[in-house]
N, C-alpha and C. Protein backbone atom coordinates (compact mmCIF):
# COMPACT_ATOMS: atom_id res chain seq x y z
N UNK A 1 25.60 -87.74 35.23
CA UNK A 1 26.43 -88.76 33.90
C UNK A 1 25.26 -88.30 32.74
N UNK A 2 26.15 -88.48 31.73
CA UNK A 2 25.95 -87.80 30.99
C UNK A 2 25.62 -88.95 29.82
N UNK A 3 24.17 -89.35 29.38
CA UNK A 3 24.03 -90.67 29.05
C UNK A 3 24.57 -90.58 26.79
N UNK A 4 24.77 -90.53 26.41
CA UNK A 4 25.55 -90.45 25.37
C UNK A 4 25.47 -91.77 23.45
N UNK A 5 25.14 -90.85 22.70
CA UNK A 5 25.11 -91.93 21.19
C UNK A 5 26.36 -91.52 20.80
N UNK A 6 27.76 -91.48 20.87
CA UNK A 6 28.51 -91.70 20.14
C UNK A 6 28.65 -91.90 18.77
N UNK A 7 28.69 -90.90 17.40
CA UNK A 7 28.72 -91.43 16.50
C UNK A 7 30.44 -92.20 15.95
N UNK A 8 30.09 -92.76 14.70
CA UNK A 8 31.22 -93.65 14.16
C UNK A 8 32.05 -92.57 14.01
N UNK A 9 32.08 -91.57 13.53
CA UNK A 9 33.38 -90.85 14.18
C UNK A 9 33.99 -89.31 14.75
N UNK A 10 33.04 -90.56 16.30
CA UNK A 10 33.99 -89.80 17.67
C UNK A 10 35.42 -90.67 17.46
N UNK A 11 36.22 -89.67 18.34
CA UNK A 11 37.29 -90.94 18.38
C UNK A 11 36.97 -91.63 19.32
N UNK A 12 37.83 -93.05 18.92
CA UNK A 12 38.10 -93.51 20.15
C UNK A 12 38.27 -93.41 21.53
N UNK A 13 39.31 -92.34 21.70
CA UNK A 13 40.24 -92.14 23.07
C UNK A 13 38.91 -91.57 23.08
N UNK A 14 37.93 -90.20 22.84
CA UNK A 14 37.19 -89.85 23.76
C UNK A 14 36.00 -90.62 24.07
N UNK A 15 35.78 -91.79 23.42
CA UNK A 15 34.74 -92.70 24.00
C UNK A 15 35.26 -93.35 25.26
N UNK A 16 36.62 -93.75 25.35
CA UNK A 16 36.93 -94.60 26.16
C UNK A 16 37.52 -94.12 27.29
N UNK A 17 37.66 -92.12 27.54
CA UNK A 17 37.34 -91.60 28.46
C UNK A 17 36.24 -91.03 29.01
N UNK A 18 35.59 -90.78 28.49
CA UNK A 18 34.25 -90.78 29.29
C UNK A 18 33.74 -91.44 29.95
N UNK A 19 33.69 -92.82 29.27
CA UNK A 19 33.40 -94.49 29.54
C UNK A 19 33.63 -94.36 31.11
N UNK A 20 35.51 -93.97 31.24
CA UNK A 20 36.23 -94.31 32.78
C UNK A 20 35.72 -93.38 33.88
N UNK A 21 34.85 -92.59 33.39
CA UNK A 21 33.91 -90.83 33.79
C UNK A 21 32.94 -91.40 34.26
N UNK A 22 32.30 -92.57 33.91
CA UNK A 22 31.45 -93.15 34.69
C UNK A 22 29.76 -92.89 33.29
N UNK A 23 30.29 -92.64 32.45
CA UNK A 23 29.22 -91.79 30.85
C UNK A 23 29.08 -93.44 30.65
N UNK A 24 27.84 -93.41 30.46
CA UNK A 24 27.35 -94.26 30.24
C UNK A 24 26.89 -93.60 28.24
N UNK A 25 27.90 -94.36 27.45
CA UNK A 25 28.42 -94.53 26.10
C UNK A 25 28.00 -95.20 25.20
N UNK A 26 27.26 -95.88 24.54
CA UNK A 26 27.39 -96.83 22.93
C UNK A 26 27.35 -95.53 22.13
N UNK A 27 28.63 -96.49 21.37
CA UNK A 27 29.52 -96.13 19.86
C UNK A 27 29.21 -97.13 19.15
N UNK A 28 28.24 -95.99 18.26
CA UNK A 28 28.09 -96.76 16.40
C UNK A 28 28.85 -97.93 16.32
N UNK A 29 30.42 -97.44 16.17
CA UNK A 29 31.45 -98.09 15.45
C UNK A 29 31.25 -99.04 15.95
N UNK A 30 31.18 -100.07 17.59
CA UNK A 30 30.61 -100.96 18.05
C UNK A 30 30.19 -101.30 17.24
N UNK A 31 28.65 -101.27 17.54
CA UNK A 31 26.98 -102.08 17.32
C UNK A 31 26.75 -101.53 16.11
N UNK A 32 25.86 -100.55 15.93
CA UNK A 32 25.93 -100.44 14.57
C UNK A 32 26.52 -99.98 14.09
N UNK A 33 27.85 -100.44 12.79
CA UNK A 33 28.44 -99.42 12.04
C UNK A 33 27.44 -99.77 10.79
N UNK A 34 27.29 -98.42 10.22
CA UNK A 34 27.14 -98.31 9.33
C UNK A 34 25.25 -98.47 8.34
N UNK A 35 24.72 -97.83 9.74
CA UNK A 35 23.24 -97.42 10.51
C UNK A 35 23.17 -95.92 9.21
N UNK A 36 21.93 -95.15 9.23
CA UNK A 36 22.03 -94.49 8.29
C UNK A 36 21.92 -93.29 9.70
N UNK A 37 21.59 -91.79 8.78
CA UNK A 37 21.50 -90.66 10.33
C UNK A 37 19.82 -90.74 10.35
N UNK A 38 19.79 -91.43 9.47
CA UNK A 38 18.35 -91.10 10.65
C UNK A 38 17.46 -91.65 11.51
N UNK A 39 18.41 -92.92 10.69
CA UNK A 39 17.94 -93.81 12.55
C UNK A 39 18.32 -94.27 13.41
N UNK A 40 20.35 -93.51 12.91
CA UNK A 40 21.13 -92.88 14.58
C UNK A 40 20.06 -91.90 14.98
N UNK A 41 19.66 -91.08 14.27
CA UNK A 41 18.68 -90.42 15.43
C UNK A 41 17.07 -90.85 16.28
N UNK A 42 16.74 -91.32 15.33
CA UNK A 42 15.17 -92.29 16.61
C UNK A 42 16.61 -93.14 17.64
N UNK A 43 17.62 -94.30 17.59
CA UNK A 43 17.84 -94.80 18.45
C UNK A 43 18.09 -93.83 19.59
N UNK A 44 18.62 -93.06 18.81
CA UNK A 44 18.98 -91.83 19.98
C UNK A 44 18.47 -90.88 21.28
N UNK A 45 17.33 -90.85 20.33
CA UNK A 45 15.75 -89.93 20.95
C UNK A 45 15.30 -91.22 21.60
N UNK A 46 15.03 -92.48 21.35
CA UNK A 46 14.79 -93.55 22.54
C UNK A 46 15.25 -93.79 23.82
N UNK A 47 16.12 -93.67 23.42
CA UNK A 47 17.05 -94.53 24.08
C UNK A 47 17.24 -92.77 25.14
N UNK A 48 17.00 -91.85 25.03
CA UNK A 48 17.21 -90.20 25.67
C UNK A 48 18.58 -90.13 25.50
N UNK A 49 19.42 -90.53 25.04
CA UNK A 49 20.38 -90.05 24.61
C UNK A 49 21.08 -88.76 23.42
N UNK A 50 21.79 -88.32 24.04
CA UNK A 50 22.38 -87.04 23.28
C UNK A 50 23.49 -87.95 22.30
N UNK A 51 23.35 -87.21 21.08
CA UNK A 51 23.45 -87.14 20.21
C UNK A 51 25.60 -86.70 19.66
N UNK A 52 26.36 -87.70 20.26
CA UNK A 52 27.85 -86.83 19.47
C UNK A 52 28.18 -86.71 18.41
N UNK A 53 29.29 -85.63 17.56
CA UNK A 53 28.50 -86.25 15.93
C UNK A 53 29.82 -84.66 15.32
N UNK A 54 30.54 -85.72 14.80
CA UNK A 54 31.68 -84.04 13.44
C UNK A 54 30.86 -84.35 12.18
N UNK A 55 29.07 -84.79 11.85
CA UNK A 55 28.75 -84.71 11.15
C UNK A 55 28.09 -83.80 11.38
N UNK A 56 27.95 -82.94 10.31
CA UNK A 56 27.08 -81.45 10.77
C UNK A 56 25.69 -81.77 9.84
N UNK A 57 25.28 -83.18 8.65
CA UNK A 57 24.86 -83.36 8.15
C UNK A 57 23.23 -83.43 9.29
N UNK A 58 23.55 -84.47 10.92
CA UNK A 58 22.34 -84.08 11.69
C UNK A 58 21.68 -82.53 12.25
N UNK A 59 22.40 -81.70 11.83
CA UNK A 59 21.93 -80.42 11.62
C UNK A 59 21.19 -79.67 10.73
N UNK A 60 20.63 -80.09 9.44
CA UNK A 60 20.98 -79.88 8.78
C UNK A 60 19.48 -81.35 8.37
N UNK A 61 19.46 -82.38 9.09
CA UNK A 61 18.27 -83.37 9.36
C UNK A 61 17.71 -82.63 10.38
N UNK A 62 17.11 -81.87 11.14
CA UNK A 62 17.55 -81.77 12.45
C UNK A 62 16.14 -79.84 12.26
N UNK A 63 16.80 -79.29 11.77
CA UNK A 63 16.44 -77.83 11.07
C UNK A 63 15.72 -78.02 9.86
N UNK A 64 16.54 -78.50 8.78
CA UNK A 64 15.50 -78.39 7.61
C UNK A 64 14.58 -79.74 7.26
N UNK A 65 14.33 -80.62 7.52
CA UNK A 65 14.12 -81.73 7.58
C UNK A 65 12.98 -82.43 8.36
N UNK A 66 13.26 -81.54 9.88
CA UNK A 66 12.22 -81.85 10.69
C UNK A 66 12.78 -82.75 11.41
N UNK A 67 13.20 -84.00 11.50
CA UNK A 67 13.09 -84.86 12.20
C UNK A 67 13.40 -84.90 13.63
N UNK A 68 13.25 -85.73 13.89
CA UNK A 68 13.02 -85.05 15.55
C UNK A 68 14.25 -85.95 16.25
N UNK A 69 14.68 -84.99 17.11
CA UNK A 69 15.79 -85.08 17.96
C UNK A 69 16.88 -84.30 18.93
N UNK A 70 14.49 -84.45 19.35
CA UNK A 70 14.86 -84.23 21.04
C UNK A 70 16.31 -84.61 22.40
N UNK A 71 16.25 -85.39 21.68
CA UNK A 71 17.50 -85.69 22.51
C UNK A 71 18.84 -84.85 22.46
N UNK A 72 18.81 -84.24 21.10
CA UNK A 72 19.73 -83.38 21.59
C UNK A 72 21.26 -83.40 20.74
N UNK A 73 21.55 -82.24 19.92
CA UNK A 73 22.91 -82.79 19.41
C UNK A 73 23.82 -82.38 19.87
N UNK A 74 24.99 -82.70 19.67
CA UNK A 74 26.26 -82.20 19.69
C UNK A 74 27.22 -81.82 19.13
N UNK A 75 27.11 -80.83 17.86
CA UNK A 75 28.44 -81.32 16.94
C UNK A 75 29.85 -80.45 17.44
N UNK A 76 30.40 -81.80 16.71
CA UNK A 76 32.40 -81.23 17.28
C UNK A 76 33.45 -80.51 15.81
N UNK A 77 33.47 -79.86 15.24
CA UNK A 77 34.18 -78.73 14.59
C UNK A 77 35.50 -78.56 15.09
N UNK A 78 36.31 -79.17 15.45
CA UNK A 78 37.39 -78.79 15.25
C UNK A 78 38.38 -79.52 13.81
N UNK A 79 38.44 -79.36 13.26
CA UNK A 79 39.16 -80.26 11.97
C UNK A 79 40.15 -80.94 12.62
N UNK A 80 40.61 -81.14 12.15
CA UNK A 80 41.41 -82.65 11.75
C UNK A 80 42.83 -81.90 13.14
N UNK A 81 42.46 -82.60 14.56
CA UNK A 81 43.08 -83.11 15.21
C UNK A 81 43.48 -84.04 16.01
N UNK A 82 44.50 -84.04 16.87
CA UNK A 82 44.27 -85.80 17.05
C UNK A 82 43.84 -86.50 17.94
N UNK A 83 43.16 -87.58 18.25
CA UNK A 83 42.81 -88.10 19.47
C UNK A 83 42.68 -86.47 20.47
N UNK A 84 43.68 -87.29 21.11
CA UNK A 84 44.23 -86.34 22.35
C UNK A 84 43.77 -85.10 22.50
N UNK A 85 44.16 -83.97 21.36
CA UNK A 85 43.56 -83.03 21.42
C UNK A 85 42.57 -83.09 21.21
N UNK A 86 41.61 -83.57 20.35
CA UNK A 86 40.47 -83.19 20.55
C UNK A 86 39.44 -84.11 22.02
N UNK A 87 39.73 -85.05 23.01
CA UNK A 87 39.34 -84.85 23.60
C UNK A 87 39.79 -84.66 25.21
N UNK A 88 40.61 -83.43 24.54
CA UNK A 88 40.50 -82.95 25.95
C UNK A 88 40.07 -81.22 25.23
N UNK A 89 39.66 -81.30 24.84
CA UNK A 89 38.82 -79.74 24.51
C UNK A 89 37.58 -80.12 24.81
N UNK A 90 36.67 -81.76 24.00
CA UNK A 90 35.65 -81.95 23.96
C UNK A 90 34.79 -82.51 25.32
N UNK A 91 35.93 -83.26 26.75
CA UNK A 91 35.78 -83.57 27.39
C UNK A 91 34.94 -82.74 28.63
N UNK A 92 36.15 -82.06 28.91
CA UNK A 92 35.58 -80.75 29.93
C UNK A 92 34.38 -80.11 28.94
N UNK A 93 34.09 -79.88 28.22
CA UNK A 93 33.00 -79.38 28.02
C UNK A 93 31.81 -79.77 27.72
N UNK A 94 31.53 -81.24 27.51
CA UNK A 94 30.93 -81.87 27.95
C UNK A 94 30.26 -82.56 29.02
N UNK A 95 30.64 -81.91 30.16
CA UNK A 95 31.56 -81.85 31.40
C UNK A 95 30.58 -81.05 31.84
N UNK A 96 30.70 -79.46 31.91
CA UNK A 96 31.11 -78.67 32.52
C UNK A 96 29.25 -78.32 31.99
N UNK A 97 28.33 -78.80 31.96
CA UNK A 97 26.77 -78.04 32.52
C UNK A 97 25.89 -79.37 31.77
N UNK A 98 26.42 -80.63 32.00
CA UNK A 98 25.29 -81.90 31.24
C UNK A 98 23.66 -81.42 31.22
N UNK A 99 23.68 -80.51 32.18
CA UNK A 99 22.14 -80.87 31.46
C UNK A 99 21.37 -79.12 30.89
N UNK A 100 22.93 -78.65 30.16
CA UNK A 100 22.59 -78.20 28.80
C UNK A 100 21.74 -78.85 27.76
N UNK A 101 22.57 -80.43 27.07
CA UNK A 101 22.64 -80.58 25.67
C UNK A 101 21.26 -81.44 25.67
N UNK A 102 20.21 -81.73 26.13
CA UNK A 102 18.69 -82.61 26.34
C UNK A 102 18.43 -81.60 25.39
N UNK A 103 17.85 -81.45 24.02
CA UNK A 103 16.81 -81.00 23.25
C UNK A 103 17.57 -79.47 23.02
N UNK A 104 18.80 -79.71 22.32
CA UNK A 104 19.58 -77.85 22.05
C UNK A 104 20.36 -78.58 20.58
N UNK A 105 20.13 -78.32 20.20
CA UNK A 105 21.90 -78.70 18.75
C UNK A 105 22.77 -77.30 19.58
N UNK A 106 24.02 -78.28 20.07
CA UNK A 106 25.28 -77.37 20.12
C UNK A 106 26.37 -77.45 19.18
N UNK A 107 27.72 -76.32 18.94
CA UNK A 107 28.26 -77.37 18.42
C UNK A 107 29.10 -76.98 19.30
N UNK A 108 29.90 -77.72 19.15
CA UNK A 108 31.66 -76.94 20.05
C UNK A 108 32.95 -76.76 18.88
N UNK A 109 33.14 -76.39 18.95
CA UNK A 109 34.48 -75.72 17.87
C UNK A 109 35.75 -75.28 18.70
N UNK A 110 37.32 -74.85 18.17
CA UNK A 110 38.06 -74.51 18.83
C UNK A 110 38.37 -73.40 20.45
N UNK A 111 37.10 -72.37 19.98
CA UNK A 111 37.21 -71.17 20.62
C UNK A 111 36.29 -71.49 21.30
N UNK A 112 34.28 -71.36 21.30
CA UNK A 112 33.79 -71.84 21.62
C UNK A 112 32.38 -72.59 21.39
N UNK A 113 31.71 -72.84 22.26
CA UNK A 113 30.53 -73.29 22.23
C UNK A 113 29.24 -73.02 21.80
N UNK A 114 28.29 -72.66 20.84
CA UNK A 114 27.01 -72.18 20.75
C UNK A 114 25.83 -73.68 21.14
N UNK A 115 24.88 -73.24 21.13
CA UNK A 115 23.65 -74.11 21.56
C UNK A 115 22.29 -72.89 21.60
N UNK A 116 21.56 -74.05 20.54
CA UNK A 116 20.64 -73.27 20.92
C UNK A 116 19.29 -74.31 20.38
N UNK A 117 18.14 -74.07 21.28
CA UNK A 117 17.03 -74.70 20.86
C UNK A 117 16.86 -75.38 19.62
N UNK A 118 16.41 -77.22 19.68
CA UNK A 118 16.29 -77.68 18.13
C UNK A 118 14.34 -77.35 17.84
N UNK A 119 14.33 -77.90 16.70
CA UNK A 119 12.68 -76.91 16.61
C UNK A 119 11.88 -77.80 17.12
N UNK A 120 10.86 -77.10 18.00
CA UNK A 120 9.58 -77.95 18.34
C UNK A 120 10.40 -78.17 19.85
N UNK A 121 11.24 -77.52 20.61
CA UNK A 121 11.43 -77.66 21.95
C UNK A 121 11.60 -75.91 23.01
N UNK A 122 10.56 -76.48 23.74
CA UNK A 122 10.44 -75.00 24.42
C UNK A 122 11.04 -75.11 25.02
N UNK A 123 11.84 -73.46 25.42
CA UNK A 123 12.31 -72.84 26.10
C UNK A 123 11.82 -72.56 27.39
N UNK A 124 12.84 -71.86 28.56
CA UNK A 124 12.21 -71.05 29.47
C UNK A 124 11.48 -69.53 28.88
N UNK A 125 13.04 -69.02 27.46
CA UNK A 125 12.76 -67.41 27.27
C UNK A 125 12.09 -66.93 26.42
């Protein structure tokens, strides 16, 4: 089971499908609409939730500004797709290897997925 913090820009359909499949998803649009990005990271980290977003600013906050993001960040860079296409691409990727998201900055693109350790995270490599 994934434990996720879905940013406001994540489509409602993906949030609903994740919940239907038994994942624990908090959606900022429902609970904390309008809070700043640093606060989003703080809440996700405090609750041990992987942040799911389409906002590339989170990568800059973690890498350039050094904000702690040990929870993991999954950035969805899929362009303008329908909610259904978005969910069809993201859902199987998230579920394929649930353990790999924590402690990593991951980018789900149209054709590939990139995963890199976040600053300050020790890896086995």
